[in-house]
Amino acid sequence: MPTARRSGPSDSEVLAACVELKTANPEYGVKRVFAALLAAHPSWASLSERRVQKVMKAHGLTHPPAAAA
């Protein structure tokens, strides 16, 4: 049985773009990184926010939740 092929960028391409964005904008969270990725790479329209979140979390690029005051 053939495996499903994911269209769009590879995880390594997404990771490289996320690292670049987070280096330039360390305050960006998943939603802002995702929006910036789509703006910078219109051909990545099939990319989902959930996939960006998974890649960022796997590589320690997400912020911990804010502590309640």
C-alpha atoms as a PDB file:
ATOM      1  CA  MET A   1       0.000   0.000   0.000  1.00  0.00           C
ATOM      2  CA  PRO A   2       1.553   3.355  -0.980  1.00  0.00           C
ATOM      3  CA  THR A   3       2.111   5.943   1.720  1.00  0.00           C
ATOM      4  CA  ALA A   4       0.494   9.356   1.476  1.00  0.00           C
ATOM      5  CA  ARG A   5       2.849  12.046   0.227  1.00  0.00           C
ATOM      6  CA  ARG A   6       2.700  15.362   1.996  1.00  0.00           C
ATOM      7  CA  SER A   7       2.522  18.299  -0.370  1.00  0.00           C
ATOM      8  CA  GLY A   8       4.259  21.531   0.447  1.00  0.00           C
ATOM      9  CA  PRO A   9       7.563  22.079   2.225  1.00  0.00           C
ATOM     10  CA  SER A  10       9.522  19.391   4.033  1.00  0.00           C
ATOM     11  CA  ASP A  11       9.867  19.524   7.804  1.00  0.00           C
ATOM     12  CA  SER A  12      13.496  20.591   7.393  1.00  0.00           C
ATOM     13  CA  GLU A  13      12.422  23.528   5.199  1.00  0.00           C
ATOM     14  CA  VAL A  14       9.772  24.528   7.746  1.00  0.00           C
ATOM     15  CA  LEU A  15      12.291  24.225  10.585  1.00  0.00           C
ATOM     16  CA  ALA A  16      14.904  26.351   8.796  1.00  0.00           C
ATOM     17  CA  ALA A  17      12.328  29.068   8.091  1.00  0.00           C
ATOM     18  CA  CYS A  18      11.048  28.948  11.695  1.00  0.00           C
ATOM     19  CA  VAL A  19      14.566  29.246  13.118  1.00  0.00           C
ATOM     20  CA  GLU A  20      15.259  32.213  10.861  1.00  0.00           C
ATOM     21  CA  LEU A  21      12.043  33.955  11.944  1.00  0.00           C
ATOM     22  CA  LYS A  22      12.533  33.198  15.653  1.00  0.00           C
ATOM     23  CA  THR A  23      16.131  34.457  15.522  1.00  0.00           C
ATOM     24  CA  ALA A  24      15.002  37.749  14.022  1.00  0.00           C
ATOM     25  CA  ASN A  25      11.831  37.940  16.176  1.00  0.00           C
ATOM     26  CA  PRO A  26      12.274  35.964  19.420  1.00  0.00           C
ATOM     27  CA  GLU A  27       8.966  37.232  20.791  1.00  0.00           C
ATOM     28  CA  TYR A  28       6.978  35.547  17.984  1.00  0.00           C
ATOM     29  CA  GLY A  29       4.799  32.617  18.931  1.00  0.00           C
ATOM     30  CA  VAL A  30       3.369  29.896  16.720  1.00  0.00           C
ATOM     31  CA  LYS A  31       0.558  32.030  15.255  1.00  0.00           C
ATOM     32  CA  ARG A  32       2.867  34.880  14.227  1.00  0.00           C
ATOM     33  CA  VAL A  33       5.514  32.523  12.849  1.00  0.00           C
ATOM     34  CA  PHE A  34       2.829  30.690  10.861  1.00  0.00           C
ATOM     35  CA  ALA A  35       1.458  33.965   9.435  1.00  0.00           C
ATOM     36  CA  ALA A  36       4.973  35.143   8.548  1.00  0.00           C
ATOM     37  CA  LEU A  37       5.763  31.825   6.846  1.00  0.00           C
ATOM     38  CA  LEU A  38       2.669  32.062   4.652  1.00  0.00           C
ATOM     39  CA  ALA A  39       3.450  35.696   3.799  1.00  0.00           C
ATOM     40  CA  ALA A  40       7.055  34.857   2.894  1.00  0.00           C
ATOM     41  CA  HIS A  41       6.243  31.607   1.073  1.00  0.00           C
ATOM     42  CA  PRO A  42       2.898  31.840  -0.760  1.00  0.00           C
ATOM     43  CA  SER A  43       3.522  28.454  -2.388  1.00  0.00           C
ATOM     44  CA  TRP A  44       3.309  26.887   1.098  1.00  0.00           C
ATOM     45  CA  ALA A  45      -0.462  27.451   1.210  1.00  0.00           C
ATOM     46  CA  SER A  46      -0.987  23.798   2.175  1.00  0.00           C
ATOM     47  CA  LEU A  47       1.082  24.294   5.339  1.00  0.00           C
ATOM     48  CA  SER A  48      -1.024  24.138   8.502  1.00  0.00           C
ATOM     49  CA  GLU A  49      -0.581  25.993  11.763  1.00  0.00           C
ATOM     50  CA  ARG A  50      -0.664  22.650  13.566  1.00  0.00           C
ATOM     51  CA  ARG A  51       2.317  21.379  11.549  1.00  0.00           C
ATOM     52  CA  VAL A  52       4.274  24.566  12.325  1.00  0.00           C
ATOM     53  CA  GLN A  53       3.420  24.095  16.003  1.00  0.00           C
ATOM     54  CA  LYS A  54       4.632  20.465  15.963  1.00  0.00           C
ATOM     55  CA  VAL A  55       7.931  21.370  14.263  1.00  0.00           C
ATOM     56  CA  MET A  56       8.557  24.308  16.599  1.00  0.00           C
ATOM     57  CA  LYS A  57       7.705  22.291  19.719  1.00  0.00           C
ATOM     58  CA  ALA A  58       9.908  19.364  18.661  1.00  0.00           C
ATOM     59  CA  HIS A  59      12.880  21.727  18.359  1.00  0.00           C
ATOM     60  CA  GLY A  60      12.267  23.863  21.444  1.00  0.00           C
ATOM     61  CA  LEU A  61      11.138  26.977  19.592  1.00  0.00           C
ATOM     62  CA  THR A  62       7.878  27.548  21.477  1.00  0.00           C
ATOM     63  CA  HIS A  63       7.415  29.831  24.460  1.00  0.00           C
ATOM     64  CA  PRO A  64       6.381  28.319  27.770  1.00  0.00           C
ATOM     65  CA  PRO A  65       2.922  29.452  28.900  1.00  0.00           C
ATOM     66  CA  ALA A  66       2.891  32.808  30.668  1.00  0.00           C
ATOM     67  CA  ALA A  67       2.726  32.569  34.450  1.00  0.00           C
ATOM     68  CA  ALA A  68      -0.465  33.890  36.029  1.00  0.00           C
ATOM     69  CA  ALA A  69       0.069  37.106  37.929  1.00  0.00           C
END
